[in-house]
C-alpha atoms as a PDB file:
ATOM      1  CA  MET A   1     -11.383  41.103  25.722  1.00  0.00           C
ATOM      2  CA  TRP A   2     -13.870  39.181  23.575  1.00  0.00           C
ATOM      3  CA  LEU A   3     -15.593  42.459  22.658  1.00  0.00           C
ATOM      4  CA  PHE A   4     -12.449  43.847  21.055  1.00  0.00           C
ATOM      5  CA  LEU A   5     -12.236  41.062  18.482  1.00  0.00           C
ATOM      6  CA  THR A   6     -13.972  41.487  15.159  1.00  0.00           C
ATOM      7  CA  ARG A   7     -16.882  39.240  14.295  1.00  0.00           C
ATOM      8  CA  ARG A   8     -14.919  37.393  11.615  1.00  0.00           C
ATOM      9  CA  LEU A   9     -12.035  36.730  13.982  1.00  0.00           C
ATOM     10  CA  ARG A  10     -14.407  35.404  16.652  1.00  0.00           C
ATOM     11  CA  VAL A  11     -16.069  33.058  14.134  1.00  0.00           C
ATOM     12  CA  TRP A  12     -12.682  31.901  12.868  1.00  0.00           C
ATOM     13  CA  LEU A  13     -11.522  31.175  16.422  1.00  0.00           C
ATOM     14  CA  ILE A  14     -14.663  29.205  17.178  1.00  0.00           C
ATOM     15  CA  VAL A  15     -14.385  27.149  14.005  1.00  0.00           C
ATOM     16  CA  THR A  16     -10.660  26.468  14.271  1.00  0.00           C
ATOM     17  CA  VAL A  17     -10.392  25.894  18.015  1.00  0.00           C
ATOM     18  CA  LEU A  18     -13.690  25.030  19.671  1.00  0.00           C
ATOM     19  CA  VAL A  19     -15.268  22.815  17.015  1.00  0.00           C
ATOM     20  CA  PRO A  20     -12.294  20.407  16.768  1.00  0.00           C
ATOM     21  CA  LEU A  21     -12.093  20.233  20.566  1.00  0.00           C
ATOM     22  CA  ALA A  22     -15.805  19.491  20.816  1.00  0.00           C
ATOM     23  CA  THR A  23     -15.771  16.788  18.138  1.00  0.00           C
ATOM     24  CA  GLY A  24     -12.703  15.206  19.735  1.00  0.00           C
ATOM     25  CA  LEU A  25     -14.455  15.193  23.092  1.00  0.00           C
ATOM     26  CA  LEU A  26     -17.568  13.599  21.586  1.00  0.00           C
ATOM     27  CA  ARG A  27     -15.433  10.900  19.984  1.00  0.00           C
ATOM     28  CA  ARG A  28     -13.601  10.165  23.244  1.00  0.00           C
ATOM     29  CA  VAL A  29     -16.868   9.840  25.154  1.00  0.00           C
ATOM     30  CA  GLY A  30     -18.254   7.558  22.428  1.00  0.00           C
ATOM     31  CA  HIS A  31     -15.197   5.296  22.605  1.00  0.00           C
ATOM     32  CA  ALA A  32     -15.382   5.209  26.404  1.00  0.00           C
ATOM     33  CA  LEU A  33     -19.040   4.176  26.268  1.00  0.00           C
ATOM     34  CA  GLU A  34     -18.259   1.452  23.744  1.00  0.00           C
ATOM     35  CA  ARG A  35     -15.470   0.076  25.931  1.00  0.00           C
ATOM     36  CA  ARG A  36     -17.768   0.058  28.931  1.00  0.00           C
ATOM     37  CA  GLY A  37     -20.941  -1.473  27.573  1.00  0.00           C
ATOM     38  CA  GLY A  38     -20.471  -2.343  23.942  1.00  0.00           C
ATOM     39  CA  SER A  39     -21.952  -0.576  20.980  1.00  0.00           C
ATOM     40  CA  THR A  40     -25.117   1.352  21.826  1.00  0.00           C
ATOM     41  CA  PRO A  41     -27.144   3.888  19.864  1.00  0.00           C
ATOM     42  CA  VAL A  42     -25.729   6.669  22.060  1.00  0.00           C
ATOM     43  CA  SER A  43     -22.106   5.656  21.526  1.00  0.00           C
ATOM     44  CA  ARG A  44     -22.651   5.321  17.778  1.00  0.00           C
ATOM     45  CA  ALA A  45     -24.275   8.771  17.650  1.00  0.00           C
ATOM     46  CA  LEU A  46     -21.348  10.314  19.532  1.00  0.00           C
ATOM     47  CA  LEU A  47     -18.841   8.696  17.193  1.00  0.00           C
ATOM     48  CA  GLN A  48     -20.817   9.863  14.157  1.00  0.00           C
ATOM     49  CA  ALA A  49     -20.848  13.413  15.539  1.00  0.00           C
ATOM     50  CA  GLY A  50     -17.053  13.245  15.860  1.00  0.00           C
ATOM     51  CA  ASP A  51     -16.754  11.971  12.299  1.00  0.00           C
ATOM     52  CA  LEU A  52     -19.049  14.720  11.055  1.00  0.00           C
ATOM     53  CA  GLY A  53     -16.652  17.309  12.457  1.00  0.00           C
ATOM     54  CA  ASP A  54     -13.712  15.616  10.749  1.00  0.00           C
ATOM     55  CA  ARG A  55     -15.504  15.520   7.413  1.00  0.00           C
ATOM     56  CA  ALA A  56     -16.463  19.179   7.659  1.00  0.00           C
ATOM     57  CA  ARG A  57     -12.903  20.151   8.552  1.00  0.00           C
ATOM     58  CA  ALA A  58     -11.509  18.118   5.652  1.00  0.00           C
ATOM     59  CA  ARG A  59     -13.979  19.676   3.249  1.00  0.00           C
ATOM     60  CA  LEU A  60     -13.029  23.178   4.398  1.00  0.00           C
ATOM     61  CA  ARG A  61      -9.375  22.342   3.826  1.00  0.00           C
ATOM     62  CA  GLY A  62     -10.124  21.275   0.268  1.00  0.00           C
ATOM     63  CA  GLY A  63     -10.104  17.527   0.818  1.00  0.00           C
ATOM     64  CA  GLY A  64     -13.787  16.997   0.141  1.00  0.00           C
ATOM     65  CA  ARG A  65     -15.373  14.724  -2.413  1.00  0.00           C
ATOM     66  CA  ARG A  66     -14.836  15.597  -6.010  1.00  0.00           C
ATOM     67  CA  ARG A  67     -17.745  15.687  -8.372  1.00  0.00           C
ATOM     68  CA  ARG A  68     -17.569  13.772 -11.606  1.00  0.00           C
END
């Protein structure tokens, strides 16, 4: 089935479906680690990775920073 999709459609599906799921999962794991043992470098890195995905998604939607 995957072979019948065009390259652009496959990339679009990955960006719109898999990337938000992955960043959400990273954020959930980061929060779980913080609840368990406090703030650690690993939990902060996982939360930053989740935030990076949100910023990239917002920028693609047109909500990025505006230049002066």
